[in-house]
Amino acid sequence: MLDALQAQIPAPALAHFLRLIAQGRKGVGLVQHGVCSGCHLRLPAGTASLLAKSDDLHLCENCGCYLLLPADEVPLAGARTAPVATAVRRPRKTAQPVAA
């Protein structure tokens, strides 16, 4: 059964995971509130948002473990977030020519 499951995992990902385990480190770290449970460091905001939106494998930049977002941290598909405020550029004031 274990061999059948290992056959479904890409070889480079499995090799990296087994190497981490052989070194006595965590192979997978849960991301809770933007913090990796493998090294307890805060992840960049971009990495944390990618975890919620993609199905790709992501590695922690610090400890190298695979990152997993728990089900309670995944935003709901239909949930709306607050709109992001955008800055409005005002035209520059140009110097008025001085009449002589």
PDB file of N, CA and C in Angstrom:
ATOM      1  N   MET A   1       0.824  -1.186   0.000  1.00  0.00           N
ATOM      2  CA  MET A   1       0.000   0.000   0.000  1.00  0.00           C
ATOM      3  C   MET A   1       0.871   1.254   0.000  1.00  0.00           C
ATOM      4  N   LEU A   2       1.912   1.266   0.835  1.00  0.00           N
ATOM      5  CA  LEU A   2       2.798   2.417   0.907  1.00  0.00           C
ATOM      6  C   LEU A   2       3.525   2.619  -0.426  1.00  0.00           C
ATOM      7  N   ASP A   3       3.911   1.512  -1.071  1.00  0.00           N
ATOM      8  CA  ASP A   3       4.588   1.622  -2.369  1.00  0.00           C
ATOM      9  C   ASP A   3       3.660   2.211  -3.424  1.00  0.00           C
ATOM     10  N   ALA A   4       2.374   1.866  -3.366  1.00  0.00           N
ATOM     11  CA  ALA A   4       1.408   2.401  -4.327  1.00  0.00           C
ATOM     12  C   ALA A   4       1.241   3.911  -4.136  1.00  0.00           C
ATOM     13  N   LEU A   5       1.242   4.365  -2.886  1.00  0.00           N
ATOM     14  CA  LEU A   5       1.123   5.797  -2.626  1.00  0.00           C
ATOM     15  C   LEU A   5       2.388   6.539  -3.037  1.00  0.00           C
ATOM     16  N   GLN A   6       3.556   5.946  -2.771  1.00  0.00           N
ATOM     17  CA  GLN A   6       4.810   6.589  -3.137  1.00  0.00           C
ATOM     18  C   GLN A   6       4.956   6.695  -4.652  1.00  0.00           C
ATOM     19  N   ALA A   7       4.359   5.787  -5.394  1.00  0.00           N
ATOM     20  CA  ALA A   7       4.428   5.832  -6.852  1.00  0.00           C
ATOM     21  C   ALA A   7       3.645   7.017  -7.411  1.00  0.00           C
ATOM     22  N   GLN A   8       2.684   7.538  -6.660  1.00  0.00           N
ATOM     23  CA  GLN A   8       1.876   8.666  -7.119  1.00  0.00           C
ATOM     24  C   GLN A   8       2.552  10.013  -6.864  1.00  0.00           C
ATOM     25  N   ILE A   9       3.598  10.033  -6.040  1.00  0.00           N
ATOM     26  CA  ILE A   9       4.282  11.280  -5.701  1.00  0.00           C
ATOM     27  C   ILE A   9       5.448  11.468  -6.668  1.00  0.00           C
ATOM     28  N   PRO A  10       5.633  12.679  -7.197  1.00  0.00           N
ATOM     29  CA  PRO A  10       6.772  12.916  -8.094  1.00  0.00           C
ATOM     30  C   PRO A  10       8.097  12.586  -7.388  1.00  0.00           C
ATOM     31  N   ALA A  11       9.018  11.992  -8.124  1.00  0.00           N
ATOM     32  CA  ALA A  11      10.282  11.513  -7.551  1.00  0.00           C
ATOM     33  C   ALA A  11      11.083  12.622  -6.858  1.00  0.00           C
ATOM     34  N   PRO A  12      11.238  13.823  -7.451  1.00  0.00           N
ATOM     35  CA  PRO A  12      12.022  14.851  -6.743  1.00  0.00           C
ATOM     36  C   PRO A  12      11.387  15.285  -5.421  1.00  0.00           C
ATOM     37  N   ALA A  13      10.064  15.372  -5.388  1.00  0.00           N
ATOM     38  CA  ALA A  13       9.376  15.775  -4.161  1.00  0.00           C
ATOM     39  C   ALA A  13       9.530  14.705  -3.089  1.00  0.00           C
ATOM     40  N   LEU A  14       9.402  13.455  -3.473  1.00  0.00           N
ATOM     41  CA  LEU A  14       9.549  12.361  -2.517  1.00  0.00           C
ATOM     42  C   LEU A  14      10.975  12.290  -1.994  1.00  0.00           C
ATOM     43  N   ALA A  15      11.965  12.476  -2.871  1.00  0.00           N
ATOM     44  CA  ALA A  15      13.364  12.429  -2.455  1.00  0.00           C
ATOM     45  C   ALA A  15      13.667  13.558  -1.464  1.00  0.00           C
ATOM     46  N   HIS A  16      13.153  14.756  -1.724  1.00  0.00           N
ATOM     47  CA  HIS A  16      13.372  15.884  -0.814  1.00  0.00           C
ATOM     48  C   HIS A  16      12.732  15.612   0.547  1.00  0.00           C
ATOM     49  N   PHE A  17      11.515  15.100   0.529  1.00  0.00           N
ATOM     50  CA  PHE A  17      10.807  14.784   1.771  1.00  0.00           C
ATOM     51  C   PHE A  17      11.566  13.732   2.577  1.00  0.00           C
ATOM     52  N   LEU A  18      11.991  12.658   1.936  1.00  0.00           N
ATOM     53  CA  LEU A  18      12.704  11.588   2.640  1.00  0.00           C
ATOM     54  C   LEU A  18      14.057  12.065   3.164  1.00  0.00           C
ATOM     55  N   ARG A  19      14.703  12.984   2.444  1.00  0.00           N
ATOM     56  CA  ARG A  19      15.979  13.543   2.899  1.00  0.00           C
ATOM     57  C   ARG A  19      15.769  14.364   4.182  1.00  0.00           C
ATOM     58  N   LEU A  20      14.697  15.143   4.226  1.00  0.00           N
ATOM     59  CA  LEU A  20      14.398  15.915   5.434  1.00  0.00           C
ATOM     60  C   LEU A  20      14.141  14.995   6.623  1.00  0.00           C
ATOM     61  N   ILE A  21      13.377  13.932   6.403  1.00  0.00           N
ATOM     62  CA  ILE A  21      13.056  12.990   7.472  1.00  0.00           C
ATOM     63  C   ILE A  21      14.320  12.281   7.951  1.00  0.00           C
ATOM     64  N   ALA A  22      15.206  11.907   7.026  1.00  0.00           N
ATOM     65  CA  ALA A  22      16.444  11.224   7.393  1.00  0.00           C
ATOM     66  C   ALA A  22      17.350  12.127   8.235  1.00  0.00           C
ATOM     67  N   GLN A  23      17.251  13.439   8.046  1.00  0.00           N
ATOM     68  CA  GLN A  23      18.049  14.388   8.820  1.00  0.00           C
ATOM     69  C   GLN A  23      17.405  14.710  10.170  1.00  0.00           C
ATOM     70  N   GLY A  24      16.250  14.120  10.448  1.00  0.00           N
ATOM     71  CA  GLY A  24      15.570  14.349  11.716  1.00  0.00           C
ATOM     72  C   GLY A  24      14.762  15.629  11.739  1.00  0.00           C
ATOM     73  N   ARG A  25      14.463  16.183  10.579  1.00  0.00           N
ATOM     74  CA  ARG A  25      13.691  17.423  10.493  1.00  0.00           C
ATOM     75  C   ARG A  25      12.266  17.102  10.071  1.00  0.00           C
ATOM     76  N   LYS A  26      11.405  18.094  10.186  1.00  0.00           N
ATOM     77  CA  LYS A  26      10.015  17.927   9.741  1.00  0.00           C
ATOM     78  C   LYS A  26       9.974  17.985   8.219  1.00  0.00           C
ATOM     79  N   GLY A  27       9.198  17.103   7.618  1.00  0.00           N
ATOM     80  CA  GLY A  27       9.048  17.103   6.162  1.00  0.00           C
ATOM     81  C   GLY A  27       7.962  18.051   5.706  1.00  0.00           C
ATOM     82  N   VAL A  28       6.954  18.227   6.551  1.00  0.00           N
ATOM     83  CA  VAL A  28       5.819  19.091   6.228  1.00  0.00           C
ATOM     84  C   VAL A  28       5.563  19.997   7.424  1.00  0.00           C
ATOM     85  N   GLY A  29       5.381  21.275   7.128  1.00  0.00           N
ATOM     86  CA  GLY A  29       5.071  22.235   8.183  1.00  0.00           C
ATOM     87  C   GLY A  29       3.720  22.873   7.945  1.00  0.00           C
ATOM     88  N   LEU A  30       2.872  22.879   8.948  1.00  0.00           N
ATOM     89  CA  LEU A  30       1.585  23.553   8.846  1.00  0.00           C
ATOM     90  C   LEU A  30       1.795  25.054   8.952  1.00  0.00           C
ATOM     91  N   VAL A  31       1.030  25.794   8.194  1.00  0.00           N
ATOM     92  CA  VAL A  31       1.096  27.251   8.243  1.00  0.00           C
ATOM     93  C   VAL A  31      -0.127  27.741   8.993  1.00  0.00           C
ATOM     94  N   GLN A  32       0.104  28.250  10.191  1.00  0.00           N
ATOM     95  CA  GLN A  32      -0.991  28.753  11.003  1.00  0.00           C
ATOM     96  C   GLN A  32      -0.728  30.217  11.313  1.00  0.00           C
ATOM     97  N   HIS A  33      -1.650  31.054  10.894  1.00  0.00           N
ATOM     98  CA  HIS A  33      -1.551  32.502  11.079  1.00  0.00           C
ATOM     99  C   HIS A  33      -0.285  33.055  10.423  1.00  0.00           C
ATOM    100  N   GLY A  34       0.095  32.447   9.279  1.00  0.00           N
ATOM    101  CA  GLY A  34       1.249  32.930   8.527  1.00  0.00           C
ATOM    102  C   GLY A  34       2.589  32.493   9.078  1.00  0.00           C
ATOM    103  N   VAL A  35       2.616  31.520  10.007  1.00  0.00           N
ATOM    104  CA  VAL A  35       3.854  31.065  10.621  1.00  0.00           C
ATOM    105  C   VAL A  35       4.067  29.590  10.300  1.00  0.00           C
ATOM    106  N   CYS A  36       5.281  29.244   9.848  1.00  0.00           N
ATOM    107  CA  CYS A  36       5.638  27.850   9.543  1.00  0.00           C
ATOM    108  C   CYS A  36       5.836  27.101  10.858  1.00  0.00           C
ATOM    109  N   SER A  37       5.216  25.932  10.987  1.00  0.00           N
ATOM    110  CA  SER A  37       5.371  25.161  12.223  1.00  0.00           C
ATOM    111  C   SER A  37       6.692  24.400  12.245  1.00  0.00           C
ATOM    112  N   GLY A  38       7.414  24.354  11.127  1.00  0.00           N
ATOM    113  CA  GLY A  38       8.706  23.688  11.098  1.00  0.00           C
ATOM    114  C   GLY A  38       9.796  24.517  11.741  1.00  0.00           C
ATOM    115  N   CYS A  39       9.820  25.805  11.455  1.00  0.00           N
ATOM    116  CA  CYS A  39      10.880  26.680  11.974  1.00  0.00           C
ATOM    117  C   CYS A  39      10.340  27.820  12.832  1.00  0.00           C
ATOM    118  N   HIS A  40       9.023  27.978  12.890  1.00  0.00           N
ATOM    119  CA  HIS A  40       8.351  28.998  13.705  1.00  0.00           C
ATOM    120  C   HIS A  40       8.688  30.428  13.274  1.00  0.00           C
ATOM    121  N   LEU A  41       8.955  30.597  11.996  1.00  0.00           N
ATOM    122  CA  LEU A  41       9.186  31.933  11.469  1.00  0.00           C
ATOM    123  C   LEU A  41       8.018  32.335  10.584  1.00  0.00           C
ATOM    124  N   ARG A  42       7.747  33.640  10.559  1.00  0.00           N
ATOM    125  CA  ARG A  42       6.647  34.164   9.757  1.00  0.00           C
ATOM    126  C   ARG A  42       7.021  34.093   8.282  1.00  0.00           C
ATOM    127  N   LEU A  43       6.069  33.649   7.482  1.00  0.00           N
ATOM    128  CA  LEU A  43       6.264  33.556   6.035  1.00  0.00           C
ATOM    129  C   LEU A  43       5.970  34.898   5.387  1.00  0.00           C
ATOM    130  N   PRO A  44       6.597  35.154   4.240  1.00  0.00           N
ATOM    131  CA  PRO A  44       6.227  36.365   3.499  1.00  0.00           C
ATOM    132  C   PRO A  44       4.750  36.312   3.122  1.00  0.00           C
ATOM    133  N   ALA A  45       4.110  37.458   3.049  1.00  0.00           N
ATOM    134  CA  ALA A  45       2.676  37.513   2.767  1.00  0.00           C
ATOM    135  C   ALA A  45       2.361  36.885   1.411  1.00  0.00           C
ATOM    136  N   GLY A  46       3.240  37.043   0.452  1.00  0.00           N
ATOM    137  CA  GLY A  46       3.012  36.467  -0.877  1.00  0.00           C
ATOM    138  C   GLY A  46       2.980  34.954  -0.847  1.00  0.00           C
ATOM    139  N   THR A  47       3.864  34.348  -0.071  1.00  0.00           N
ATOM    140  CA  THR A  47       3.900  32.887   0.033  1.00  0.00           C
ATOM    141  C   THR A  47       2.631  32.375   0.703  1.00  0.00           C
ATOM    142  N   ALA A  48       2.215  33.036   1.744  1.00  0.00           N
ATOM    143  CA  ALA A  48       1.003  32.608   2.453  1.00  0.00           C
ATOM    144  C   ALA A  48      -0.227  32.720   1.557  1.00  0.00           C
ATOM    145  N   SER A  49      -0.291  33.753   0.739  1.00  0.00           N
ATOM    146  CA  SER A  49      -1.449  33.892  -0.146  1.00  0.00           C
ATOM    147  C   SER A  49      -1.402  32.890  -1.285  1.00  0.00           C
ATOM    148  N   LEU A  50      -0.206  32.533  -1.757  1.00  0.00           N
ATOM    149  CA  LEU A  50      -0.090  31.515  -2.801  1.00  0.00           C
ATOM    150  C   LEU A  50      -0.565  30.153  -2.310  1.00  0.00           C
ATOM    151  N   LEU A  51      -0.324  29.869  -1.067  1.00  0.00           N
ATOM    152  CA  LEU A  51      -0.767  28.590  -0.509  1.00  0.00           C
ATOM    153  C   LEU A  51      -2.278  28.453  -0.581  1.00  0.00           C
ATOM    154  N   ALA A  52      -2.986  29.531  -0.365  1.00  0.00           N
ATOM    155  CA  ALA A  52      -4.444  29.485  -0.359  1.00  0.00           C
ATOM    156  C   ALA A  52      -5.014  29.391  -1.770  1.00  0.00           C
ATOM    157  N   LYS A  53      -4.284  29.865  -2.770  1.00  0.00           N
ATOM    158  CA  LYS A  53      -4.843  29.966  -4.113  1.00  0.00           C
ATOM    159  C   LYS A  53      -4.359  28.909  -5.087  1.00  0.00           C
ATOM    160  N   SER A  54      -3.282  28.182  -4.783  1.00  0.00           N
ATOM    161  CA  SER A  54      -2.753  27.250  -5.776  1.00  0.00           C
ATOM    162  C   SER A  54      -2.662  25.837  -5.227  1.00  0.00           C
ATOM    163  N   ASP A  55      -2.514  24.904  -6.147  1.00  0.00           N
ATOM    164  CA  ASP A  55      -2.371  23.497  -5.788  1.00  0.00           C
ATOM    165  C   ASP A  55      -0.927  23.039  -5.912  1.00  0.00           C
ATOM    166  N   ASP A  56       0.013  23.954  -6.114  1.00  0.00           N
ATOM    167  CA  ASP A  56       1.420  23.611  -6.256  1.00  0.00           C
ATOM    168  C   ASP A  56       2.036  23.306  -4.895  1.00  0.00           C
ATOM    169  N   LEU A  57       3.201  22.662  -4.931  1.00  0.00           N
ATOM    170  CA  LEU A  57       3.964  22.432  -3.717  1.00  0.00           C
ATOM    171  C   LEU A  57       4.810  23.664  -3.432  1.00  0.00           C
ATOM    172  N   HIS A  58       4.842  24.076  -2.187  1.00  0.00           N
ATOM    173  CA  HIS A  58       5.634  25.232  -1.787  1.00  0.00           C
ATOM    174  C   HIS A  58       6.544  24.822  -0.644  1.00  0.00           C
ATOM    175  N   LEU A  59       7.776  25.353  -0.656  1.00  0.00           N
ATOM    176  CA  LEU A  59       8.748  25.075   0.384  1.00  0.00           C
ATOM    177  C   LEU A  59       8.925  26.302   1.262  1.00  0.00           C
ATOM    178  N   CYS A  60       9.196  26.065   2.536  1.00  0.00           N
ATOM    179  CA  CYS A  60       9.542  27.151   3.440  1.00  0.00           C
ATOM    180  C   CYS A  60      10.928  27.646   3.036  1.00  0.00           C
ATOM    181  N   GLU A  61      11.088  28.956   2.911  1.00  0.00           N
ATOM    182  CA  GLU A  61      12.363  29.518   2.502  1.00  0.00           C
ATOM    183  C   GLU A  61      13.431  29.358   3.581  1.00  0.00           C
ATOM    184  N   ASN A  62      13.023  29.152   4.826  1.00  0.00           N
ATOM    185  CA  ASN A  62      13.986  29.045   5.904  1.00  0.00           C
ATOM    186  C   ASN A  62      14.389  27.601   6.191  1.00  0.00           C
ATOM    187  N   CYS A  63      13.423  26.733   6.473  1.00  0.00           N
ATOM    188  CA  CYS A  63      13.766  25.365   6.886  1.00  0.00           C
ATOM    189  C   CYS A  63      13.661  24.336   5.768  1.00  0.00           C
ATOM    190  N   GLY A  64      13.037  24.676   4.654  1.00  0.00           N
ATOM    191  CA  GLY A  64      12.984  23.769   3.507  1.00  0.00           C
ATOM    192  C   GLY A  64      11.874  22.742   3.545  1.00  0.00           C
ATOM    193  N   CYS A  65      11.018  22.752   4.563  1.00  0.00           N
ATOM    194  CA  CYS A  65       9.935  21.766   4.613  1.00  0.00           C
ATOM    195  C   CYS A  65       8.805  22.189   3.670  1.00  0.00           C
ATOM    196  N   TYR A  66       8.004  21.211   3.279  1.00  0.00           N
ATOM    197  CA  TYR A  66       6.839  21.499   2.448  1.00  0.00           C
ATOM    198  C   TYR A  66       5.790  22.189   3.310  1.00  0.00           C
ATOM    199  N   LEU A  67       5.123  23.167   2.737  1.00  0.00           N
ATOM    200  CA  LEU A  67       4.140  23.946   3.480  1.00  0.00           C
ATOM    201  C   LEU A  67       2.737  23.439   3.202  1.00  0.00           C
ATOM    202  N   LEU A  68       1.952  23.337   4.241  1.00  0.00           N
ATOM    203  CA  LEU A  68       0.577  22.872   4.139  1.00  0.00           C
ATOM    204  C   LEU A  68      -0.313  23.840   4.900  1.00  0.00           C
ATOM    205  N   LEU A  69      -1.355  24.297   4.242  1.00  0.00           N
ATOM    206  CA  LEU A  69      -2.319  25.196   4.870  1.00  0.00           C
ATOM    207  C   LEU A  69      -3.466  24.354   5.418  1.00  0.00           C
ATOM    208  N   PRO A  70      -3.720  24.388   6.734  1.00  0.00           N
ATOM    209  CA  PRO A  70      -4.812  23.592   7.300  1.00  0.00           C
ATOM    210  C   PRO A  70      -6.168  24.021   6.743  1.00  0.00           C
ATOM    211  N   ALA A  71      -7.139  23.134   6.837  1.00  0.00           N
ATOM    212  CA  ALA A  71      -8.469  23.400   6.279  1.00  0.00           C
ATOM    213  C   ALA A  71      -9.130  24.612   6.929  1.00  0.00           C
ATOM    214  N   ASP A  72      -8.861  24.857   8.217  1.00  0.00           N
ATOM    215  CA  ASP A  72      -9.498  25.996   8.868  1.00  0.00           C
ATOM    216  C   ASP A  72      -8.852  27.331   8.483  1.00  0.00           C
ATOM    217  N   GLU A  73      -7.685  27.293   7.845  1.00  0.00           N
ATOM    218  CA  GLU A  73      -7.018  28.523   7.409  1.00  0.00           C
ATOM    219  C   GLU A  73      -7.349  28.869   5.953  1.00  0.00           C
ATOM    220  N   VAL A  74      -7.899  27.916   5.210  1.00  0.00           N
ATOM    221  CA  VAL A  74      -8.214  28.147   3.802  1.00  0.00           C
ATOM    222  C   VAL A  74      -9.453  29.025   3.708  1.00  0.00           C
ATOM    223  N   PRO A  75      -9.367  30.157   2.993  1.00  0.00           N
ATOM    224  CA  PRO A  75     -10.553  31.003   2.848  1.00  0.00           C
ATOM    225  C   PRO A  75     -11.606  30.295   2.000  1.00  0.00           C
ATOM    226  N   LEU A  76     -12.855  30.567   2.293  1.00  0.00           N
ATOM    227  CA  LEU A  76     -13.947  29.969   1.536  1.00  0.00           C
ATOM    228  C   LEU A  76     -13.962  30.518   0.123  1.00  0.00           C
ATOM    229  N   ALA A  77     -14.368  29.689  -0.830  1.00  0.00           N
ATOM    230  CA  ALA A  77     -14.343  30.097  -2.233  1.00  0.00           C
ATOM    231  C   ALA A  77     -15.279  31.268  -2.498  1.00  0.00           C
ATOM    232  N   GLY A  78     -16.431  31.291  -1.856  1.00  0.00           N
ATOM    233  CA  GLY A  78     -17.393  32.354  -2.109  1.00  0.00           C
ATOM    234  C   GLY A  78     -17.250  33.547  -1.185  1.00  0.00           C
ATOM    235  N   ALA A  79     -16.337  33.448  -0.232  1.00  0.00           N
ATOM    236  CA  ALA A  79     -16.195  34.534   0.737  1.00  0.00           C
ATOM    237  C   ALA A  79     -15.592  35.760   0.074  1.00  0.00           C
ATOM    238  N   ARG A  80     -16.159  36.888   0.377  1.00  0.00           N
ATOM    239  CA  ARG A  80     -15.641  38.144  -0.164  1.00  0.00           C
ATOM    240  C   ARG A  80     -14.762  38.805   0.871  1.00  0.00           C
ATOM    241  N   THR A  81     -13.684  39.342   0.405  1.00  0.00           N
ATOM    242  CA  THR A  81     -12.809  40.078   1.297  1.00  0.00           C
ATOM    243  C   THR A  81     -13.110  41.555   1.147  1.00  0.00           C
ATOM    244  N   ALA A  82     -12.657  42.333   2.085  1.00  0.00           N
ATOM    245  CA  ALA A  82     -12.879  43.773   2.029  1.00  0.00           C
ATOM    246  C   ALA A  82     -12.139  44.349   0.825  1.00  0.00           C
ATOM    247  N   PRO A  83     -12.734  45.283   0.133  1.00  0.00           N
ATOM    248  CA  PRO A  83     -12.064  45.862  -1.031  1.00  0.00           C
ATOM    249  C   PRO A  83     -10.802  46.598  -0.599  1.00  0.00           C
ATOM    250  N   VAL A  84      -9.813  46.518  -1.460  1.00  0.00           N
ATOM    251  CA  VAL A  84      -8.547  47.178  -1.177  1.00  0.00           C
ATOM    252  C   VAL A  84      -8.635  48.617  -1.648  1.00  0.00           C
ATOM    253  N   ALA A  85      -8.280  49.528  -0.776  1.00  0.00           N
ATOM    254  CA  ALA A  85      -8.312  50.945  -1.137  1.00  0.00           C
ATOM    255  C   ALA A  85      -7.144  51.250  -2.074  1.00  0.00           C
ATOM    256  N   THR A  86      -7.407  51.999  -3.105  1.00  0.00           N
ATOM    257  CA  THR A  86      -6.348  52.381  -4.027  1.00  0.00           C
ATOM    258  C   THR A  86      -6.107  53.873  -3.904  1.00  0.00           C
ATOM    259  N   ALA A  87      -4.887  54.243  -4.065  1.00  0.00           N
ATOM    260  CA  ALA A  87      -4.525  55.655  -3.970  1.00  0.00           C
ATOM    261  C   ALA A  87      -4.916  56.364  -5.262  1.00  0.00           C
ATOM    262  N   VAL A  88      -5.456  57.558  -5.111  1.00  0.00           N
ATOM    263  CA  VAL A  88      -5.848  58.356  -6.272  1.00  0.00           C
ATOM    264  C   VAL A  88      -4.778  59.418  -6.470  1.00  0.00           C
ATOM    265  N   ARG A  89      -4.255  59.475  -7.668  1.00  0.00           N
ATOM    266  CA  ARG A  89      -3.234  60.477  -7.955  1.00  0.00           C
ATOM    267  C   ARG A  89      -3.883  61.782  -8.332  1.00  0.00           C
ATOM    268  N   ARG A  90      -3.422  62.809  -7.705  1.00  0.00           N
ATOM    269  CA  ARG A  90      -3.906  64.139  -8.044  1.00  0.00           C
ATOM    270  C   ARG A  90      -2.897  64.777  -8.997  1.00  0.00           C
ATOM    271  N   PRO A  91      -3.379  65.598  -9.893  1.00  0.00           N
ATOM    272  CA  PRO A  91      -2.437  66.237 -10.813  1.00  0.00           C
ATOM    273  C   PRO A  91      -1.501  67.172 -10.047  1.00  0.00           C
ATOM    274  N   ARG A  92      -0.277  67.249 -10.550  1.00  0.00           N
ATOM    275  CA  ARG A  92       0.698  68.136  -9.922  1.00  0.00           C
ATOM    276  C   ARG A  92       0.336  69.584 -10.141  1.00  0.00           C
ATOM    277  N   LYS A  93       0.623  70.353  -9.140  1.00  0.00           N
ATOM    278  CA  LYS A  93       0.431  71.788  -9.296  1.00  0.00           C
ATOM    279  C   LYS A  93       1.677  72.349  -9.961  1.00  0.00           C
ATOM    280  N   THR A  94       1.461  73.041 -11.025  1.00  0.00           N
ATOM    281  CA  THR A  94       2.598  73.637 -11.715  1.00  0.00           C
ATOM    282  C   THR A  94       2.736  75.089 -11.293  1.00  0.00           C
ATOM    283  N   ALA A  95       3.944  75.558 -11.344  1.00  0.00           N
ATOM    284  CA  ALA A  95       4.198  76.948 -10.956  1.00  0.00           C
ATOM    285  C   ALA A  95       3.574  77.876 -11.972  1.00  0.00           C
ATOM    286  N   GLN A  96       2.854  78.866 -11.486  1.00  0.00           N
ATOM    287  CA  GLN A  96       2.236  79.845 -12.351  1.00  0.00           C
ATOM    288  C   GLN A  96       3.311  80.876 -12.772  1.00  0.00           C
ATOM    289  N   PRO A  97       3.328  81.258 -14.039  1.00  0.00           N
ATOM    290  CA  PRO A  97       4.299  82.267 -14.458  1.00  0.00           C
ATOM    291  C   PRO A  97       3.968  83.601 -13.798  1.00  0.00           C
ATOM    292  N   VAL A  98       5.010  84.273 -13.359  1.00  0.00           N
ATOM    293  CA  VAL A  98       4.839  85.559 -12.685  1.00  0.00           C
ATOM    294  C   VAL A  98       4.797  86.671 -13.732  1.00  0.00           C
ATOM    295  N   ALA A  99       3.768  87.494 -13.678  1.00  0.00           N
ATOM    296  CA  ALA A  99       3.648  88.604 -14.638  1.00  0.00           C
ATOM    297  C   ALA A  99       4.563  89.727 -14.200  1.00  0.00           C
ATOM    298  N   ALA A 100       5.282  90.307 -15.166  1.00  0.00           N
ATOM    299  CA  ALA A 100       6.227  91.365 -14.832  1.00  0.00           C
ATOM    300  C   ALA A 100       5.622  92.718 -14.806  1.00  0.00           C
TER     301      ALA A 100
END
